[in-house]
Amino acid sequence: MPFQKGNKLGFKPQNNEPFDKRPICFNVRVGVREKLKTVPDWQERLRECVDKLLEDMDKQ
């Protein structure tokens, strides 16, 4: 059964800003993936790190 559009049980971002539909993928060292998934709220924290990295680039 397909997932119906407009379903209230669907994923909702914590902020009102929509995410890009194309994910960023990169390789990590062996074991990092499993360790990363144990960190609470790791996806949002990683997004914040990327934003800070981009801010630092703008300052240069």
N, C-alpha and C. Protein backbone atom coordinates (compact mmCIF):
# COMPACT_ATOMS: atom_id res chain seq x y z
N MET A 1 0.86 -1.18 0.00
CA MET A 1 0.00 0.00 0.00
C MET A 1 0.90 1.24 0.00
N PRO A 2 0.73 2.14 -0.94
CA PRO A 2 1.57 3.34 -1.00
C PRO A 2 1.27 4.30 0.14
N PHE A 3 2.27 5.07 0.50
CA PHE A 3 2.12 6.07 1.56
C PHE A 3 1.35 7.26 0.99
N GLN A 4 0.26 7.62 1.62
CA GLN A 4 -0.59 8.69 1.12
C GLN A 4 0.02 10.06 1.41
N LYS A 5 -0.05 10.96 0.44
CA LYS A 5 0.44 12.32 0.63
C LYS A 5 -0.45 13.05 1.63
N GLY A 6 0.17 13.91 2.41
CA GLY A 6 -0.59 14.67 3.40
C GLY A 6 -0.88 13.90 4.67
N ASN A 7 -0.32 12.70 4.81
CA ASN A 7 -0.53 11.90 5.99
C ASN A 7 0.10 12.59 7.19
N LYS A 8 -0.61 12.69 8.30
CA LYS A 8 -0.12 13.40 9.48
C LYS A 8 0.96 12.62 10.21
N LEU A 9 1.16 11.35 9.88
CA LEU A 9 2.17 10.55 10.53
C LEU A 9 3.51 10.61 9.80
N GLY A 10 3.58 11.32 8.69
CA GLY A 10 4.80 11.41 7.91
C GLY A 10 5.88 12.20 8.61
N PHE A 11 7.10 12.16 8.07
CA PHE A 11 8.24 12.87 8.64
C PHE A 11 8.03 14.37 8.57
N LYS A 12 8.37 15.05 9.66
CA LYS A 12 8.31 16.51 9.70
C LYS A 12 9.62 17.01 10.28
N PRO A 13 10.30 17.93 9.59
CA PRO A 13 11.55 18.46 10.13
C PRO A 13 11.28 19.26 11.40
N GLN A 14 12.28 19.34 12.26
CA GLN A 14 12.13 20.06 13.53
C GLN A 14 12.03 21.56 13.31
N ASN A 15 12.61 22.03 12.22
CA ASN A 15 12.50 23.45 11.91
C ASN A 15 11.56 23.62 10.72
N ASN A 16 11.25 24.84 10.38
CA ASN A 16 10.32 25.08 9.28
C ASN A 16 11.02 25.13 7.93
N GLU A 17 12.33 25.06 7.93
CA GLU A 17 13.10 25.13 6.70
C GLU A 17 13.15 23.75 6.04
N PRO A 18 12.73 23.63 4.79
CA PRO A 18 12.73 22.31 4.14
C PRO A 18 14.14 21.84 3.82
N PHE A 19 14.30 20.52 3.77
CA PHE A 19 15.58 19.93 3.42
C PHE A 19 15.67 19.74 1.92
N ASP A 20 16.89 19.71 1.42
CA ASP A 20 17.14 19.41 0.01
C ASP A 20 16.77 17.95 -0.24
N LYS A 21 16.16 17.66 -1.36
CA LYS A 21 15.74 16.30 -1.66
C LYS A 21 16.92 15.40 -2.02
N ARG A 22 18.06 16.00 -2.39
CA ARG A 22 19.24 15.21 -2.75
C ARG A 22 20.19 15.15 -1.56
N PRO A 23 20.46 13.97 -1.01
CA PRO A 23 21.34 13.87 0.15
C PRO A 23 22.81 14.03 -0.23
N ILE A 24 23.61 14.40 0.75
CA ILE A 24 25.06 14.45 0.58
C ILE A 24 25.60 13.14 1.12
N CYS A 25 26.37 12.44 0.32
CA CYS A 25 26.93 11.15 0.73
C CYS A 25 28.45 11.23 0.72
N PHE A 26 29.07 10.65 1.73
CA PHE A 26 30.52 10.59 1.76
C PHE A 26 30.95 9.35 2.53
N ASN A 27 32.14 8.89 2.23
CA ASN A 27 32.68 7.70 2.87
C ASN A 27 33.38 8.06 4.17
N VAL A 28 33.27 7.16 5.14
CA VAL A 28 33.94 7.33 6.43
C VAL A 28 34.79 6.09 6.71
N ARG A 29 35.63 6.19 7.70
CA ARG A 29 36.48 5.06 8.07
C ARG A 29 35.63 3.93 8.66
N VAL A 30 36.18 2.75 8.65
CA VAL A 30 35.49 1.56 9.16
C VAL A 30 35.10 1.78 10.62
N GLY A 31 33.85 1.51 10.96
CA GLY A 31 33.35 1.61 12.32
C GLY A 31 32.74 2.95 12.68
N VAL A 32 33.00 3.99 11.89
CA VAL A 32 32.47 5.31 12.20
C VAL A 32 30.95 5.35 12.06
N ARG A 33 30.44 4.70 11.05
CA ARG A 33 28.99 4.71 10.79
C ARG A 33 28.20 4.17 11.99
N GLU A 34 28.64 3.05 12.53
CA GLU A 34 27.95 2.44 13.68
C GLU A 34 28.05 3.33 14.91
N LYS A 35 29.23 3.92 15.14
CA LYS A 35 29.41 4.80 16.30
C LYS A 35 28.56 6.06 16.16
N LEU A 36 28.49 6.61 14.96
CA LEU A 36 27.72 7.82 14.72
C LEU A 36 26.24 7.61 15.03
N LYS A 37 25.72 6.45 14.67
CA LYS A 37 24.31 6.17 14.90
C LYS A 37 23.96 6.04 16.37
N THR A 38 24.96 5.87 17.24
CA THR A 38 24.69 5.80 18.68
C THR A 38 24.60 7.18 19.33
N VAL A 39 25.03 8.22 18.60
CA VAL A 39 24.99 9.59 19.13
C VAL A 39 23.56 10.11 19.06
N PRO A 40 23.01 10.60 20.19
CA PRO A 40 21.65 11.14 20.16
C PRO A 40 21.55 12.34 19.22
N ASP A 41 20.51 12.38 18.42
CA ASP A 41 20.22 13.50 17.52
C ASP A 41 21.39 13.80 16.58
N TRP A 42 22.05 12.73 16.10
CA TRP A 42 23.28 12.90 15.31
C TRP A 42 23.06 13.62 14.00
N GLN A 43 21.92 13.43 13.37
CA GLN A 43 21.71 14.07 12.07
C GLN A 43 21.62 15.59 12.20
N GLU A 44 20.86 16.05 13.17
CA GLU A 44 20.73 17.50 13.37
C GLU A 44 22.05 18.11 13.81
N ARG A 45 22.77 17.41 14.66
CA ARG A 45 24.07 17.91 15.12
C ARG A 45 25.07 17.98 13.96
N LEU A 46 25.02 17.01 13.07
CA LEU A 46 25.90 17.02 11.90
C LEU A 46 25.53 18.17 10.97
N ARG A 47 24.25 18.43 10.80
CA ARG A 47 23.81 19.57 9.98
C ARG A 47 24.35 20.88 10.56
N GLU A 48 24.33 21.01 11.89
CA GLU A 48 24.85 22.22 12.53
C GLU A 48 26.35 22.35 12.29
N CYS A 49 27.08 21.24 12.32
CA CYS A 49 28.52 21.28 12.05
C CYS A 49 28.80 21.72 10.62
N VAL A 50 28.00 21.25 9.69
CA VAL A 50 28.17 21.64 8.29
C VAL A 50 27.89 23.13 8.12
N ASP A 51 26.84 23.62 8.77
CA ASP A 51 26.52 25.05 8.71
C ASP A 51 27.67 25.88 9.26
N LYS A 52 28.25 25.45 10.39
CA LYS A 52 29.38 26.17 10.98
C LYS A 52 30.59 26.13 10.05
N LEU A 53 30.84 25.00 9.43
CA LEU A 53 31.95 24.88 8.49
C LEU A 53 31.80 25.86 7.34
N LEU A 54 30.58 26.00 6.82
CA LEU A 54 30.32 26.93 5.73
C LEU A 54 30.46 28.37 6.18
N GLU A 55 30.03 28.68 7.41
CA GLU A 55 30.19 30.02 7.95
C GLU A 55 31.67 30.38 8.07
N ASP A 56 32.47 29.42 8.54
CA ASP A 56 33.92 29.66 8.67
C ASP A 56 34.56 29.89 7.31
N MET A 57 34.09 29.20 6.29
CA MET A 57 34.61 29.39 4.94
C MET A 57 34.31 30.80 4.42
N ASP A 58 33.12 31.30 4.76
CA ASP A 58 32.72 32.64 4.33
C ASP A 58 33.58 33.73 4.97
N LYS A 59 34.09 33.46 6.17
CA LYS A 59 34.90 34.44 6.89
C LYS A 59 36.29 34.57 6.30
N GLN A 60 36.74 33.57 5.57
CA GLN A 60 38.10 33.59 5.02
C GLN A 60 38.19 34.47 3.80
